[in-house]
Amino acid sequence: MPWLKIGSSPVEITITGLNIIVSPQNKANWVFQDIFAHGHLEKMFLGILNKVETEITAGDENQGYFSKLAMKVLDNISVSIKDIHFRFEDHFSTLD
């Protein structure tokens, strides 16, 4: 892509040959958490609201040229993923 058109032309990202290995944790490391206890859900919700409010109040008037260019590039990104392989490995379970 020519650098002169980076703000107006789509940016294409292609990922080929992605291997993902997933495995469970050992049961000794499991942590169960009640999201309704101790105001955890309320704290999480208030954090999201504060972040949204901060982004709204910042507005476009405080953004410089490079910030606006970065937002244009991010809006024009196209990602394609080809040849994905998922593998599940379980080293903790037994067959009994």
PDB file of N, CA and C in Angstrom:
ATOM      1  N   MET A   1       0.849  -1.169   0.000  1.00  0.00           N
ATOM      2  CA  MET A   1       0.000   0.000   0.000  1.00  0.00           C
ATOM      3  C   MET A   1       0.893   1.230   0.000  1.00  0.00           C
ATOM      4  N   PRO A   2       0.615   2.185  -0.857  1.00  0.00           N
ATOM      5  CA  PRO A   2       1.379   3.430  -0.849  1.00  0.00           C
ATOM      6  C   PRO A   2       1.104   4.224   0.433  1.00  0.00           C
ATOM      7  N   TRP A   3       2.146   4.820   0.989  1.00  0.00           N
ATOM      8  CA  TRP A   3       2.009   5.575   2.233  1.00  0.00           C
ATOM      9  C   TRP A   3       1.125   6.802   2.074  1.00  0.00           C
ATOM     10  N   LEU A   4       1.015   7.336   0.870  1.00  0.00           N
ATOM     11  CA  LEU A   4       0.194   8.523   0.668  1.00  0.00           C
ATOM     12  C   LEU A   4      -1.300   8.222   0.784  1.00  0.00           C
ATOM     13  N   LYS A   5      -1.690   6.962   0.594  1.00  0.00           N
ATOM     14  CA  LYS A   5      -3.102   6.587   0.634  1.00  0.00           C
ATOM     15  C   LYS A   5      -3.475   5.837   1.914  1.00  0.00           C
ATOM     16  N   ILE A   6      -2.623   5.882   2.939  1.00  0.00           N
ATOM     17  CA  ILE A   6      -2.863   5.079   4.143  1.00  0.00           C
ATOM     18  C   ILE A   6      -4.138   5.493   4.888  1.00  0.00           C
ATOM     19  N   GLY A   7      -4.540   6.744   4.770  1.00  0.00           N
ATOM     20  CA  GLY A   7      -5.749   7.191   5.453  1.00  0.00           C
ATOM     21  C   GLY A   7      -7.021   6.930   4.689  1.00  0.00           C
ATOM     22  N   SER A   8      -6.920   6.644   3.380  1.00  0.00           N
ATOM     23  CA  SER A   8      -8.130   6.479   2.583  1.00  0.00           C
ATOM     24  C   SER A   8      -8.302   5.072   2.021  1.00  0.00           C
ATOM     25  N   SER A   9      -7.226   4.328   1.829  1.00  0.00           N
ATOM     26  CA  SER A   9      -7.313   2.971   1.283  1.00  0.00           C
ATOM     27  C   SER A   9      -7.449   1.953   2.412  1.00  0.00           C
ATOM     28  N   PRO A  10      -8.154   0.847   2.152  1.00  0.00           N
ATOM     29  CA  PRO A  10      -8.274  -0.172   3.193  1.00  0.00           C
ATOM     30  C   PRO A  10      -6.929  -0.842   3.492  1.00  0.00           C
ATOM     31  N   VAL A  11      -6.707  -1.135   4.773  1.00  0.00           N
ATOM     32  CA  VAL A  11      -5.514  -1.851   5.214  1.00  0.00           C
ATOM     33  C   VAL A  11      -5.921  -3.310   5.368  1.00  0.00           C
ATOM     34  N   GLU A  12      -5.285  -4.197   4.609  1.00  0.00           N
ATOM     35  CA  GLU A  12      -5.649  -5.614   4.633  1.00  0.00           C
ATOM     36  C   GLU A  12      -4.585  -6.404   5.380  1.00  0.00           C
ATOM     37  N   ILE A  13      -5.024  -7.175   6.375  1.00  0.00           N
ATOM     38  CA  ILE A  13      -4.142  -8.042   7.153  1.00  0.00           C
ATOM     39  C   ILE A  13      -4.595  -9.472   6.910  1.00  0.00           C
ATOM     40  N   THR A  14      -3.672 -10.329   6.467  1.00  0.00           N
ATOM     41  CA  THR A  14      -3.991 -11.739   6.225  1.00  0.00           C
ATOM     42  C   THR A  14      -3.127 -12.598   7.141  1.00  0.00           C
ATOM     43  N   ILE A  15      -3.785 -13.467   7.904  1.00  0.00           N
ATOM     44  CA  ILE A  15      -3.097 -14.405   8.785  1.00  0.00           C
ATOM     45  C   ILE A  15      -3.343 -15.797   8.222  1.00  0.00           C
ATOM     46  N   THR A  16      -2.256 -16.499   7.887  1.00  0.00           N
ATOM     47  CA  THR A  16      -2.364 -17.835   7.305  1.00  0.00           C
ATOM     48  C   THR A  16      -1.608 -18.826   8.181  1.00  0.00           C
ATOM     49  N   GLY A  17      -2.207 -20.000   8.408  1.00  0.00           N
ATOM     50  CA  GLY A  17      -1.545 -21.045   9.184  1.00  0.00           C
ATOM     51  C   GLY A  17      -1.543 -20.753  10.674  1.00  0.00           C
ATOM     52  N   LEU A  18      -2.712 -20.523  11.263  1.00  0.00           N
ATOM     53  CA  LEU A  18      -2.832 -20.203  12.685  1.00  0.00           C
ATOM     54  C   LEU A  18      -3.097 -21.486  13.470  1.00  0.00           C
ATOM     55  N   ASN A  19      -2.204 -21.817  14.400  1.00  0.00           N
ATOM     56  CA  ASN A  19      -2.352 -23.003  15.256  1.00  0.00           C
ATOM     57  C   ASN A  19      -2.660 -22.545  16.670  1.00  0.00           C
ATOM     58  N   ILE A  20      -3.772 -23.043  17.222  1.00  0.00           N
ATOM     59  CA  ILE A  20      -4.190 -22.682  18.577  1.00  0.00           C
ATOM     60  C   ILE A  20      -4.283 -23.958  19.401  1.00  0.00           C
ATOM     61  N   ILE A  21      -3.552 -23.990  20.527  1.00  0.00           N
ATOM     62  CA  ILE A  21      -3.578 -25.139  21.426  1.00  0.00           C
ATOM     63  C   ILE A  21      -4.261 -24.705  22.716  1.00  0.00           C
ATOM     64  N   VAL A  22      -5.292 -25.455  23.117  1.00  0.00           N
ATOM     65  CA  VAL A  22      -6.066 -25.146  24.309  1.00  0.00           C
ATOM     66  C   VAL A  22      -5.929 -26.311  25.278  1.00  0.00           C
ATOM     67  N   SER A  23      -5.693 -25.998  26.557  1.00  0.00           N
ATOM     68  CA  SER A  23      -5.625 -27.051  27.569  1.00  0.00           C
ATOM     69  C   SER A  23      -6.211 -26.526  28.875  1.00  0.00           C
ATOM     70  N   PRO A  24      -6.819 -27.402  29.663  1.00  0.00           N
ATOM     71  CA  PRO A  24      -7.424 -26.959  30.926  1.00  0.00           C
ATOM     72  C   PRO A  24      -6.354 -26.752  31.998  1.00  0.00           C
ATOM     73  N   GLN A  25      -6.729 -25.990  33.020  1.00  0.00           N
ATOM     74  CA  GLN A  25      -5.860 -25.825  34.176  1.00  0.00           C
ATOM     75  C   GLN A  25      -6.001 -27.029  35.087  1.00  0.00           C
ATOM     76  N   ASN A  26      -5.004 -27.234  35.900  1.00  0.00           N
ATOM     77  CA  ASN A  26      -5.079 -28.256  36.934  1.00  0.00           C
ATOM     78  C   ASN A  26      -6.175 -27.850  37.916  1.00  0.00           C
ATOM     79  N   LYS A  27      -6.956 -28.811  38.432  1.00  0.00           N
ATOM     80  CA  LYS A  27      -8.062 -28.478  39.333  1.00  0.00           C
ATOM     81  C   LYS A  27      -7.591 -27.754  40.582  1.00  0.00           C
ATOM     82  N   ALA A  28      -6.353 -27.969  40.990  1.00  0.00           N
ATOM     83  CA  ALA A  28      -5.827 -27.280  42.169  1.00  0.00           C
ATOM     84  C   ALA A  28      -5.725 -25.772  41.933  1.00  0.00           C
ATOM     85  N   ASN A  29      -5.645 -25.341  40.684  1.00  0.00           N
ATOM     86  CA  ASN A  29      -5.522 -23.924  40.361  1.00  0.00           C
ATOM     87  C   ASN A  29      -6.855 -23.256  40.045  1.00  0.00           C
ATOM     88  N   TRP A  30      -7.951 -24.003  40.099  1.00  0.00           N
ATOM     89  CA  TRP A  30      -9.258 -23.433  39.796  1.00  0.00           C
ATOM     90  C   TRP A  30      -9.654 -22.448  40.883  1.00  0.00           C
ATOM     91  N   VAL A  31     -10.248 -21.322  40.491  1.00  0.00           N
ATOM     92  CA  VAL A  31     -10.751 -20.324  41.427  1.00  0.00           C
ATOM     93  C   VAL A  31     -12.195 -20.039  41.044  1.00  0.00           C
ATOM     94  N   PHE A  32     -13.108 -20.328  41.970  1.00  0.00           N
ATOM     95  CA  PHE A  32     -14.513 -20.053  41.724  1.00  0.00           C
ATOM     96  C   PHE A  32     -14.857 -18.715  42.351  1.00  0.00           C
ATOM     97  N   GLN A  33     -15.513 -17.861  41.564  1.00  0.00           N
ATOM     98  CA  GLN A  33     -15.830 -16.525  42.035  1.00  0.00           C
ATOM     99  C   GLN A  33     -17.298 -16.244  41.774  1.00  0.00           C
ATOM    100  N   ASP A  34     -17.980 -15.820  42.793  1.00  0.00           N
ATOM    101  CA  ASP A  34     -19.376 -15.437  42.665  1.00  0.00           C
ATOM    102  C   ASP A  34     -19.421 -13.981  42.206  1.00  0.00           C
ATOM    103  N   ILE A  35     -19.845 -13.738  40.953  1.00  0.00           N
ATOM    104  CA  ILE A  35     -19.813 -12.376  40.421  1.00  0.00           C
ATOM    105  C   ILE A  35     -20.862 -11.479  41.076  1.00  0.00           C
ATOM    106  N   PHE A  36     -21.835 -12.060  41.771  1.00  0.00           N
ATOM    107  CA  PHE A  36     -22.858 -11.258  42.418  1.00  0.00           C
ATOM    108  C   PHE A  36     -22.484 -10.896  43.854  1.00  0.00           C
ATOM    109  N   ALA A  37     -21.447 -11.517  44.398  1.00  0.00           N
ATOM    110  CA  ALA A  37     -21.018 -11.233  45.757  1.00  0.00           C
ATOM    111  C   ALA A  37     -20.009 -10.078  45.761  1.00  0.00           C
ATOM    112  N   HIS A  38     -19.963  -9.355  46.850  1.00  0.00           N
ATOM    113  CA  HIS A  38     -18.975  -8.308  47.095  1.00  0.00           C
ATOM    114  C   HIS A  38     -19.002  -7.188  46.058  1.00  0.00           C
ATOM    115  N   GLY A  39     -20.106  -6.983  45.384  1.00  0.00           N
ATOM    116  CA  GLY A  39     -20.235  -5.870  44.448  1.00  0.00           C
ATOM    117  C   GLY A  39     -19.350  -5.970  43.220  1.00  0.00           C
ATOM    118  N   HIS A  40     -18.886  -7.176  42.894  1.00  0.00           N
ATOM    119  CA  HIS A  40     -17.985  -7.344  41.744  1.00  0.00           C
ATOM    120  C   HIS A  40     -18.646  -6.886  40.452  1.00  0.00           C
ATOM    121  N   LEU A  41     -19.880  -7.287  40.234  1.00  0.00           N
ATOM    122  CA  LEU A  41     -20.594  -6.921  39.010  1.00  0.00           C
ATOM    123  C   LEU A  41     -20.827  -5.411  38.949  1.00  0.00           C
ATOM    124  N   GLU A  42     -21.159  -4.814  40.098  1.00  0.00           N
ATOM    125  CA  GLU A  42     -21.388  -3.369  40.149  1.00  0.00           C
ATOM    126  C   GLU A  42     -20.095  -2.601  39.841  1.00  0.00           C
ATOM    127  N   LYS A  43     -18.967  -3.028  40.398  1.00  0.00           N
ATOM    128  CA  LYS A  43     -17.688  -2.368  40.134  1.00  0.00           C
ATOM    129  C   LYS A  43     -17.317  -2.460  38.656  1.00  0.00           C
ATOM    130  N   MET A  44     -17.544  -3.632  38.071  1.00  0.00           N
ATOM    131  CA  MET A  44     -17.226  -3.821  36.660  1.00  0.00           C
ATOM    132  C   MET A  44     -18.099  -2.903  35.794  1.00  0.00           C
ATOM    133  N   PHE A  45     -19.383  -2.828  36.097  1.00  0.00           N
ATOM    134  CA  PHE A  45     -20.305  -1.988  35.339  1.00  0.00           C
ATOM    135  C   PHE A  45     -19.944  -0.511  35.475  1.00  0.00           C
ATOM    136  N   LEU A  46     -19.603  -0.058  36.682  1.00  0.00           N
ATOM    137  CA  LEU A  46     -19.226   1.339  36.887  1.00  0.00           C
ATOM    138  C   LEU A  46     -17.923   1.676  36.168  1.00  0.00           C
ATOM    139  N   GLY A  47     -17.002   0.718  36.111  1.00  0.00           N
ATOM    140  CA  GLY A  47     -15.755   0.930  35.377  1.00  0.00           C
ATOM    141  C   GLY A  47     -16.009   1.142  33.898  1.00  0.00           C
ATOM    142  N   ILE A  48     -16.915   0.359  33.335  1.00  0.00           N
ATOM    143  CA  ILE A  48     -17.264   0.503  31.915  1.00  0.00           C
ATOM    144  C   ILE A  48     -17.934   1.852  31.675  1.00  0.00           C
ATOM    145  N   LEU A  49     -18.843   2.247  32.546  1.00  0.00           N
ATOM    146  CA  LEU A  49     -19.518   3.535  32.399  1.00  0.00           C
ATOM    147  C   LEU A  49     -18.527   4.695  32.484  1.00  0.00           C
ATOM    148  N   ASN A  50     -17.576   4.624  33.401  1.00  0.00           N
ATOM    149  CA  ASN A  50     -16.572   5.686  33.524  1.00  0.00           C
ATOM    150  C   ASN A  50     -15.707   5.781  32.276  1.00  0.00           C
ATOM    151  N   LYS A  51     -15.358   4.637  31.700  1.00  0.00           N
ATOM    152  CA  LYS A  51     -14.538   4.641  30.491  1.00  0.00           C
ATOM    153  C   LYS A  51     -15.296   5.265  29.328  1.00  0.00           C
ATOM    154  N   VAL A  52     -16.563   4.904  29.162  1.00  0.00           N
ATOM    155  CA  VAL A  52     -17.376   5.467  28.087  1.00  0.00           C
ATOM    156  C   VAL A  52     -17.540   6.970  28.281  1.00  0.00           C
ATOM    157  N   GLU A  53     -17.780   7.401  29.511  1.00  0.00           N
ATOM    158  CA  GLU A  53     -17.944   8.830  29.786  1.00  0.00           C
ATOM    159  C   GLU A  53     -16.661   9.600  29.473  1.00  0.00           C
ATOM    160  N   THR A  54     -15.507   9.033  29.818  1.00  0.00           N
ATOM    161  CA  THR A  54     -14.229   9.681  29.533  1.00  0.00           C
ATOM    162  C   THR A  54     -14.013   9.826  28.035  1.00  0.00           C
ATOM    163  N   GLU A  55     -14.359   8.782  27.268  1.00  0.00           N
ATOM    164  CA  GLU A  55     -14.186   8.840  25.817  1.00  0.00           C
ATOM    165  C   GLU A  55     -15.115   9.858  25.180  1.00  0.00           C
ATOM    166  N   ILE A  56     -16.320   9.970  25.698  1.00  0.00           N
ATOM    167  CA  ILE A  56     -17.280  10.923  25.141  1.00  0.00           C
ATOM    168  C   ILE A  56     -16.862  12.357  25.447  1.00  0.00           C
ATOM    169  N   THR A  57     -16.416  12.617  26.671  1.00  0.00           N
ATOM    170  CA  THR A  57     -16.046  13.981  27.047  1.00  0.00           C
ATOM    171  C   THR A  57     -14.742  14.423  26.399  1.00  0.00           C
ATOM    172  N   ALA A  58     -13.881  13.467  26.023  1.00  0.00           N
ATOM    173  CA  ALA A  58     -12.633  13.846  25.349  1.00  0.00           C
ATOM    174  C   ALA A  58     -12.956  14.491  24.016  1.00  0.00           C
ATOM    175  N   GLY A  59     -13.873  13.916  23.279  1.00  0.00           N
ATOM    176  CA  GLY A  59     -14.352  14.494  22.027  1.00  0.00           C
ATOM    177  C   GLY A  59     -13.309  14.555  20.934  1.00  0.00           C
ATOM    178  N   ASP A  60     -13.740  14.994  19.768  1.00  0.00           N
ATOM    179  CA  ASP A  60     -12.857  15.097  18.605  1.00  0.00           C
ATOM    180  C   ASP A  60     -12.001  16.360  18.621  1.00  0.00           C
ATOM    181  N   GLU A  61     -12.395  17.377  19.386  1.00  0.00           N
ATOM    182  CA  GLU A  61     -11.657  18.630  19.340  1.00  0.00           C
ATOM    183  C   GLU A  61     -10.262  18.523  19.955  1.00  0.00           C
ATOM    184  N   ASN A  62     -10.023  17.543  20.803  1.00  0.00           N
ATOM    185  CA  ASN A  62      -8.709  17.391  21.434  1.00  0.00           C
ATOM    186  C   ASN A  62      -7.771  16.480  20.639  1.00  0.00           C
ATOM    187  N   GLN A  63      -8.253  15.878  19.581  1.00  0.00           N
ATOM    188  CA  GLN A  63      -7.427  14.959  18.809  1.00  0.00           C
ATOM    189  C   GLN A  63      -6.546  15.727  17.837  1.00  0.00           C
ATOM    190  N   GLY A  64      -5.301  15.268  17.717  1.00  0.00           N
ATOM    191  CA  GLY A  64      -4.380  15.854  16.760  1.00  0.00           C
ATOM    192  C   GLY A  64      -4.466  15.143  15.426  1.00  0.00           C
ATOM    193  N   TYR A  65      -3.597  15.539  14.510  1.00  0.00           N
ATOM    194  CA  TYR A  65      -3.591  14.961  13.168  1.00  0.00           C
ATOM    195  C   TYR A  65      -3.317  13.463  13.206  1.00  0.00           C
ATOM    196  N   PHE A  66      -2.323  13.040  13.987  1.00  0.00           N
ATOM    197  CA  PHE A  66      -1.956  11.631  14.011  1.00  0.00           C
ATOM    198  C   PHE A  66      -3.033  10.765  14.675  1.00  0.00           C
ATOM    199  N   SER A  67      -3.722  11.311  15.666  1.00  0.00           N
ATOM    200  CA  SER A  67      -4.821  10.573  16.282  1.00  0.00           C
ATOM    201  C   SER A  67      -5.955  10.345  15.289  1.00  0.00           C
ATOM    202  N   LYS A  68      -6.271  11.389  14.522  1.00  0.00           N
ATOM    203  CA  LYS A  68      -7.329  11.253  13.513  1.00  0.00           C
ATOM    204  C   LYS A  68      -6.925  10.290  12.411  1.00  0.00           C
ATOM    205  N   LEU A  69      -5.644  10.340  11.999  1.00  0.00           N
ATOM    206  CA  LEU A  69      -5.147   9.415  10.984  1.00  0.00           C
ATOM    207  C   LEU A  69      -5.193   7.978  11.499  1.00  0.00           C
ATOM    208  N   ALA A  70      -4.802   7.774  12.750  1.00  0.00           N
ATOM    209  CA  ALA A  70      -4.845   6.435  13.339  1.00  0.00           C
ATOM    210  C   ALA A  70      -6.277   5.906  13.372  1.00  0.00           C
ATOM    211  N   MET A  71      -7.245   6.750  13.704  1.00  0.00           N
ATOM    212  CA  MET A  71      -8.646   6.322  13.722  1.00  0.00           C
ATOM    213  C   MET A  71      -9.131   5.958  12.318  1.00  0.00           C
ATOM    214  N   LYS A  72      -8.694   6.716  11.290  1.00  0.00           N
ATOM    215  CA  LYS A  72      -9.059   6.386   9.911  1.00  0.00           C
ATOM    216  C   LYS A  72      -8.499   5.029   9.512  1.00  0.00           C
ATOM    217  N   VAL A  73      -7.232   4.785   9.849  1.00  0.00           N
ATOM    218  CA  VAL A  73      -6.593   3.508   9.507  1.00  0.00           C
ATOM    219  C   VAL A  73      -7.310   2.370  10.222  1.00  0.00           C
ATOM    220  N   LEU A  74      -7.619   2.547  11.513  1.00  0.00           N
ATOM    221  CA  LEU A  74      -8.311   1.499  12.268  1.00  0.00           C
ATOM    222  C   LEU A  74      -9.706   1.236  11.711  1.00  0.00           C
ATOM    223  N   ASP A  75     -10.378   2.265  11.231  1.00  0.00           N
ATOM    224  CA  ASP A  75     -11.709   2.083  10.644  1.00  0.00           C
ATOM    225  C   ASP A  75     -11.645   1.323   9.319  1.00  0.00           C
ATOM    226  N   ASN A  76     -10.508   1.381   8.628  1.00  0.00           N
ATOM    227  CA  ASN A  76     -10.369   0.750   7.318  1.00  0.00           C
ATOM    228  C   ASN A  76      -9.653  -0.598   7.353  1.00  0.00           C
ATOM    229  N   ILE A  77      -9.428  -1.169   8.542  1.00  0.00           N
ATOM    230  CA  ILE A  77      -8.705  -2.444   8.631  1.00  0.00           C
ATOM    231  C   ILE A  77      -9.623  -3.604   8.233  1.00  0.00           C
ATOM    232  N   SER A  78      -9.077  -4.490   7.423  1.00  0.00           N
ATOM    233  CA  SER A  78      -9.775  -5.711   7.025  1.00  0.00           C
ATOM    234  C   SER A  78      -8.865  -6.884   7.379  1.00  0.00           C
ATOM    235  N   VAL A  79      -9.360  -7.803   8.221  1.00  0.00           N
ATOM    236  CA  VAL A  79      -8.559  -8.946   8.662  1.00  0.00           C
ATOM    237  C   VAL A  79      -9.174 -10.224   8.109  1.00  0.00           C
ATOM    238  N   SER A  80      -8.327 -11.068   7.494  1.00  0.00           N
ATOM    239  CA  SER A  80      -8.799 -12.383   7.052  1.00  0.00           C
ATOM    240  C   SER A  80      -7.854 -13.443   7.621  1.00  0.00           C
ATOM    241  N   ILE A  81      -8.457 -14.531   8.102  1.00  0.00           N
ATOM    242  CA  ILE A  81      -7.695 -15.624   8.699  1.00  0.00           C
ATOM    243  C   ILE A  81      -7.983 -16.880   7.902  1.00  0.00           C
ATOM    244  N   LYS A  82      -6.898 -17.558   7.469  1.00  0.00           N
ATOM    245  CA  LYS A  82      -7.038 -18.771   6.668  1.00  0.00           C
ATOM    246  C   LYS A  82      -6.265 -19.900   7.333  1.00  0.00           C
ATOM    247  N   ASP A  83      -6.751 -21.107   7.179  1.00  0.00           N
ATOM    248  CA  ASP A  83      -6.074 -22.309   7.660  1.00  0.00           C
ATOM    249  C   ASP A  83      -5.860 -22.275   9.179  1.00  0.00           C
ATOM    250  N   ILE A  84      -6.981 -22.337   9.925  1.00  0.00           N
ATOM    251  CA  ILE A  84      -6.932 -22.338  11.384  1.00  0.00           C
ATOM    252  C   ILE A  84      -6.998 -23.783  11.879  1.00  0.00           C
ATOM    253  N   HIS A  85      -6.147 -24.121  12.848  1.00  0.00           N
ATOM    254  CA  HIS A  85      -6.132 -25.463  13.435  1.00  0.00           C
ATOM    255  C   HIS A  85      -6.238 -25.319  14.948  1.00  0.00           C
ATOM    256  N   PHE A  86      -7.328 -25.861  15.534  1.00  0.00           N
ATOM    257  CA  PHE A  86      -7.504 -25.879  16.980  1.00  0.00           C
ATOM    258  C   PHE A  86      -7.143 -27.268  17.500  1.00  0.00           C
ATOM    259  N   ARG A  87      -6.393 -27.310  18.603  1.00  0.00           N
ATOM    260  CA  ARG A  87      -6.040 -28.591  19.216  1.00  0.00           C
ATOM    261  C   ARG A  87      -6.282 -28.489  20.711  1.00  0.00           C
ATOM    262  N   PHE A  88      -7.009 -29.475  21.249  1.00  0.00           N
ATOM    263  CA  PHE A  88      -7.285 -29.524  22.679  1.00  0.00           C
ATOM    264  C   PHE A  88      -6.404 -30.596  23.294  1.00  0.00           C
ATOM    265  N   GLU A  89      -5.585 -30.228  24.267  1.00  0.00           N
ATOM    266  CA  GLU A  89      -4.710 -31.170  24.964  1.00  0.00           C
ATOM    267  C   GLU A  89      -5.097 -31.199  26.427  1.00  0.00           C
ATOM    268  N   ASP A  90      -5.426 -32.384  26.920  1.00  0.00           N
ATOM    269  CA  ASP A  90      -5.824 -32.549  28.319  1.00  0.00           C
ATOM    270  C   ASP A  90      -4.812 -33.460  28.993  1.00  0.00           C
ATOM    271  N   HIS A  91      -3.965 -32.891  29.839  1.00  0.00           N
ATOM    272  CA  HIS A  91      -2.931 -33.653  30.532  1.00  0.00           C
ATOM    273  C   HIS A  91      -3.352 -34.050  31.944  1.00  0.00           C
ATOM    274  N   PHE A  92      -4.540 -33.632  32.389  1.00  0.00           N
ATOM    275  CA  PHE A  92      -4.937 -33.848  33.782  1.00  0.00           C
ATOM    276  C   PHE A  92      -6.011 -34.912  33.955  1.00  0.00           C
ATOM    277  N   SER A  93      -6.858 -35.102  32.980  1.00  0.00           N
ATOM    278  CA  SER A  93      -7.962 -36.068  33.115  1.00  0.00           C
ATOM    279  C   SER A  93      -7.459 -37.490  32.998  1.00  0.00           C
ATOM    280  N   THR A  94      -8.199 -38.389  33.657  1.00  0.00           N
ATOM    281  CA  THR A  94      -7.895 -39.816  33.549  1.00  0.00           C
ATOM    282  C   THR A  94      -9.068 -40.519  32.899  1.00  0.00           C
ATOM    283  N   LEU A  95      -8.837 -41.702  32.398  1.00  0.00           N
ATOM    284  CA  LEU A  95      -9.893 -42.441  31.713  1.00  0.00           C
ATOM    285  C   LEU A  95     -10.775 -43.245  32.658  1.00  0.00           C
ATOM    286  N   ASP A  96     -10.436 -43.340  33.951  1.00  0.00           N
ATOM    287  CA  ASP A  96     -11.260 -44.142  34.865  1.00  0.00           C
ATOM    288  C   ASP A  96     -12.527 -43.448  35.200  1.00  0.00           C
TER     289      ASP A  96
END
